[in-house]
C-alpha cells in the first residue's frame, strides 16, 4: 500500500450524520483516520463504509482522540479537522503545501463564518479570550484555536503534548513556541454543522465555559 501524502485525523463522537459530508472530498493521496471517542450512533461503521481507517479511543476528551489519531498515522504529515462538516478537507491542501515547502512548521485555520448564526456569541467570545491567551503566551499571531492544522507528525509527537481534554490546542501552541516553531494562520470557511450534530464546545454556554476551564488548567 502506498504511503499517504498526509493523514488527516478526525476526532469524532456521534458524528455519523456528518461524516458523509466530511469525507465527500478527500484530497487525492490523503489517508483518513477517524477516531471514535465513545460514539453510540454508529460513527465507526459509517466511517469504515466511507473508506476511512477507524481508531477507537475509550478515554473521553478532544486531546485524547487527537493523540490517538496521530499515533495511528503513518504519513510524514498529519492534519486535524473536526468531524461535524463545518469545515472542508480541501482547505487543508494549501496549508499542507506551506508546511511541505518549509515556509512554516505548522499551518492553522482561522474560521470565517459563511452565514448568519453559524458561530454563537458565547463561542465567539470564548474563542477571542482563548486566542488572546495564546498570542500573549506564545507570540504566535493567531486569532482562533487552530480548529484545522497541519504539521509534520514527528514534530508534533516530539512536543509531547500531555493534555487530553480541550486544553490540548493551547498546550500545543505553548510547546510549539518554546520549541521555536513558526506558525501561519490562514482563513478557512466555517459553515453550519451537518443536521443532527451539535458542537461539544459551542453548542452551549456550558460547553464553552468547560473549554475555558480546561485552558485555564494548562496555564497554571
Protein backbone atom coordinates (compact mmCIF):
# COMPACT_ATOMS: atom_id res chain seq x y z
CA UNK A 1 0.00 0.00 0.00
CA UNK A 2 1.37 3.41 -0.99
CA UNK A 3 2.17 5.85 1.77
CA UNK A 4 -0.32 8.70 2.12
CA UNK A 5 0.76 12.24 1.30
CA UNK A 6 -0.88 13.33 4.55
CA UNK A 7 -3.03 11.55 7.12
CA UNK A 8 -5.97 13.64 8.31
CA UNK A 9 -7.13 12.87 11.84
CA UNK A 10 -10.83 13.42 12.53
CA UNK A 11 -11.79 13.13 16.22
CA UNK A 12 -15.45 12.09 16.42
CA UNK A 13 -18.14 11.44 18.96
CA UNK A 14 -21.56 10.80 17.48
CA UNK A 15 -20.81 12.28 14.06
CA UNK A 16 -22.39 9.56 11.90
CA UNK A 17 -24.74 12.08 10.27
CA UNK A 18 -21.89 14.43 9.35
CA UNK A 19 -19.23 12.05 8.06
CA UNK A 20 -20.66 11.60 4.54
CA UNK A 21 -20.30 15.37 4.04
CA UNK A 22 -16.89 15.50 5.72
CA UNK A 23 -15.45 12.70 3.58
CA UNK A 24 -17.09 13.73 0.32
CA UNK A 25 -13.93 15.41 -0.98
CA UNK A 26 -10.84 13.76 0.49
CA UNK A 27 -7.76 15.20 -1.26
CA UNK A 28 -6.12 12.76 -3.64
CA UNK A 29 -3.41 10.70 -1.99
CA UNK A 30 -4.51 11.52 1.55
CA UNK A 31 -5.34 8.99 4.24
CA UNK A 32 -8.25 9.43 6.65
CA UNK A 33 -8.21 8.34 10.30
CA UNK A 34 -11.50 8.67 12.16
CA UNK A 35 -11.03 8.42 15.92
CA UNK A 36 -14.23 7.15 17.53
CA UNK A 37 -14.30 8.70 21.00
CA UNK A 38 -17.21 6.83 22.57
CA UNK A 39 -19.88 7.22 19.88
CA UNK A 40 -23.23 5.48 20.24
CA UNK A 41 -24.67 6.38 16.83
CA UNK A 42 -22.68 4.06 14.58
CA UNK A 43 -19.97 6.60 13.73
CA UNK A 44 -17.33 3.88 13.37
CA UNK A 45 -19.41 1.81 10.94
CA UNK A 46 -20.23 4.84 8.81
CA UNK A 47 -16.55 5.84 8.71
CA UNK A 48 -15.44 2.38 7.63
CA UNK A 49 -18.14 2.29 4.98
CA UNK A 50 -16.74 5.52 3.57
CA UNK A 51 -13.22 4.12 3.38
CA UNK A 52 -11.72 5.67 6.49
CA UNK A 53 -9.45 3.87 8.93
CA UNK A 54 -11.09 3.80 12.36
CA UNK A 55 -9.26 4.04 15.67
CA UNK A 56 -11.09 3.55 18.95
CA UNK A 57 -10.19 5.80 21.88
CA UNK A 58 -12.07 4.97 25.07
CA UNK A 59 -10.70 7.86 27.11
CA UNK A 60 -13.10 10.78 26.63
CA UNK A 61 -11.63 14.08 25.52
CA UNK A 62 -10.60 16.03 22.43
CA UNK A 63 -6.90 15.75 23.20
CA UNK A 64 -7.17 12.01 23.80
CA UNK A 65 -8.85 11.49 20.44
CA UNK A 66 -6.39 13.65 18.52
CA UNK A 67 -3.38 12.00 20.15
CA UNK A 68 -4.70 8.52 19.35
CA UNK A 69 -5.12 9.52 15.72
CA UNK A 70 -1.63 11.00 15.47
CA UNK A 71 -0.14 7.83 16.95
CA UNK A 72 -2.04 5.78 14.35
CA UNK A 73 -0.89 7.99 11.45
CA UNK A 74 1.92 6.79 9.22
CA UNK A 75 2.33 9.66 6.76
CA UNK A 76 5.07 12.25 7.18
CA UNK A 77 2.45 14.97 7.60
CA UNK A 78 -0.71 14.99 9.71
CA UNK A 79 -3.74 17.24 9.58
CA UNK A 80 -6.56 17.62 12.09
CA UNK A 81 -10.12 18.75 11.37
CA UNK A 82 -13.42 18.50 13.24
CA UNK A 83 -15.89 15.83 12.16
CA UNK A 84 -19.06 17.91 12.09
CA UNK A 85 -18.84 19.07 8.44
CA UNK A 86 -18.49 22.74 9.40
CA UNK A 87 -15.12 22.90 7.61
CA UNK A 88 -13.83 21.42 4.36
CA UNK A 89 -10.97 18.96 3.88
CA UNK A 90 -9.96 20.65 0.63
CA UNK A 91 -8.95 23.79 2.51
CA UNK A 92 -6.22 21.78 4.22
CA UNK A 93 -4.35 21.37 0.91
CA UNK A 94 -2.73 24.84 0.74
CA UNK A 95 -1.96 24.55 4.43
CA UNK A 96 -0.05 21.33 3.75
CA UNK A 97 1.76 23.00 0.85
CA UNK A 98 3.04 25.72 3.17
CA UNK A 99 4.43 23.17 5.62
CA UNK A 100 5.92 20.93 2.93
CA UNK A 101 7.71 23.89 1.38
CA UNK A 102 9.44 24.63 4.67
CA UNK A 103 7.89 28.08 4.90
CA UNK A 104 6.37 27.29 8.31
CA UNK A 105 6.40 24.48 10.85
CA UNK A 106 2.63 24.45 11.23
CA UNK A 107 -0.28 25.98 9.34
CA UNK A 108 -3.53 26.60 11.23
CA UNK A 109 -7.00 27.73 10.21
CA UNK A 110 -8.89 30.86 11.23
CA UNK A 111 -12.63 30.33 10.87
CA UNK A 112 -14.58 32.77 8.73
CA UNK A 113 -18.36 32.21 9.01
CA UNK A 114 -20.12 31.82 5.67
CA UNK A 115 -23.60 32.56 7.01
CA UNK A 116 -25.50 34.23 9.82
CA UNK A 117 -25.93 32.34 13.05
CA UNK A 118 -23.12 29.91 12.30
CA UNK A 119 -20.99 30.98 15.26
CA UNK A 120 -22.92 31.62 18.53
CA UNK A 121 -21.94 34.70 20.53
CA UNK A 122 -20.67 32.74 23.51
CA UNK A 123 -18.42 30.63 21.28
CA UNK A 124 -17.03 33.74 19.58
CA UNK A 125 -16.34 35.33 22.96
CA UNK A 126 -14.68 32.20 24.30
CA UNK A 127 -12.54 31.92 21.17
CA UNK A 128 -11.47 35.55 21.48
CA UNK A 129 -10.42 35.10 25.09
CA UNK A 130 -8.54 31.88 24.47
CA UNK A 131 -6.82 33.08 21.29
CA UNK A 132 -5.70 36.18 23.18
CA UNK A 133 -4.14 33.92 25.80
CA UNK A 134 -2.31 32.01 23.10
CA UNK A 135 -0.96 35.21 21.49
CA UNK A 136 0.27 36.54 24.81
CA UNK A 137 1.84 33.30 25.95
CA UNK A 138 3.30 32.16 22.63
CA UNK A 139 3.63 35.33 20.49
CA UNK A 140 2.05 33.42 17.61
CA UNK A 141 -0.11 35.80 15.52
CA UNK A 142 -3.29 33.74 15.69
CA UNK A 143 -6.91 34.65 16.33
CA UNK A 144 -8.56 31.23 16.52
CA UNK A 145 -7.95 27.95 18.32
CA UNK A 146 -6.45 26.10 15.35
CA UNK A 147 -9.59 24.07 14.56
CA UNK A 148 -7.75 22.94 11.42
CA UNK A 149 -4.00 22.43 11.40
CA UNK A 150 -1.20 20.70 9.53
CA UNK A 151 2.34 19.83 10.59
CA UNK A 152 4.89 17.03 10.44
CA UNK A 153 3.90 14.02 12.52
CA UNK A 154 7.34 13.59 14.08
CA UNK A 155 7.50 17.27 15.03
CA UNK A 156 4.12 17.01 16.74
CA UNK A 157 4.99 13.88 18.68
CA UNK A 158 8.28 15.44 19.78
CA UNK A 159 6.34 18.22 21.52
CA UNK A 160 4.89 15.60 23.90
CA UNK A 161 1.59 17.42 24.44
CA UNK A 162 0.03 15.98 27.61
CA UNK A 163 -3.46 17.50 27.86
CA UNK A 164 -6.18 15.08 26.82
CA UNK A 165 -9.17 17.40 27.05
CA UNK A 166 -9.99 20.72 25.40
CA UNK A 167 -6.77 22.30 26.67
CA UNK A 168 -4.85 20.36 24.00
CA UNK A 169 -4.68 23.21 21.41
CA UNK A 170 -3.37 25.70 23.96
CA UNK A 171 -0.69 23.37 25.26
CA UNK A 172 0.25 22.54 21.68
CA UNK A 173 0.79 26.22 20.89
CA UNK A 174 2.78 26.90 24.05
CA UNK A 175 5.07 23.94 23.50
CA UNK A 176 5.45 24.79 19.81
CA UNK A 177 6.52 28.32 20.75
CA UNK A 178 9.11 27.02 23.19
CA UNK A 179 10.39 24.65 20.51
CA UNK A 180 10.90 27.52 18.08
CA UNK A 181 8.15 26.60 15.61
CA UNK A 182 6.88 29.07 13.05
CA UNK A 183 3.11 29.22 12.60
CA UNK A 184 0.96 30.55 9.76
CA UNK A 185 -2.74 31.34 10.19
CA UNK A 186 -4.96 31.17 7.10
CA UNK A 187 -8.65 31.90 6.62
CA UNK A 188 -10.92 28.87 6.24
CA UNK A 189 -14.66 28.71 5.54
CA UNK A 190 -16.84 27.93 8.55
CA UNK A 191 -20.36 26.76 7.80
CA UNK A 192 -23.24 25.09 9.55
CA UNK A 193 -22.75 21.68 11.05
CA UNK A 194 -24.47 18.74 9.46
CA UNK A 195 -28.06 18.17 10.53
CA UNK A 196 -28.30 16.05 13.65
CA UNK A 197 -24.93 17.11 15.07
CA UNK A 198 -24.14 19.51 17.88
CA UNK A 199 -20.84 21.05 18.85
CA UNK A 200 -19.38 19.75 22.11
CA UNK A 201 -17.86 23.21 22.60
CA UNK A 202 -20.01 25.94 21.05
CA UNK A 203 -23.30 24.07 21.25
CA UNK A 204 -23.97 25.55 24.68
CA UNK A 205 -22.72 28.19 27.08
CA UNK A 206 -21.78 25.38 29.46
CA UNK A 207 -19.65 23.72 26.77
CA UNK A 208 -17.79 26.94 26.06
CA UNK A 209 -17.21 27.50 29.78
CA UNK A 210 -15.81 23.98 30.10
CA UNK A 211 -13.25 24.74 27.39
CA UNK A 212 -12.20 27.94 29.16
CA UNK A 213 -11.71 25.93 32.35
CA UNK A 214 -9.55 23.36 30.54
CA UNK A 215 -7.41 26.14 29.07
CA UNK A 216 -7.02 27.74 32.49
CA UNK A 217 -5.67 24.45 33.86
CA UNK A 218 -3.00 24.40 31.16
CA UNK A 219 -1.95 27.95 32.08
CA UNK A 220 -1.40 27.16 35.77
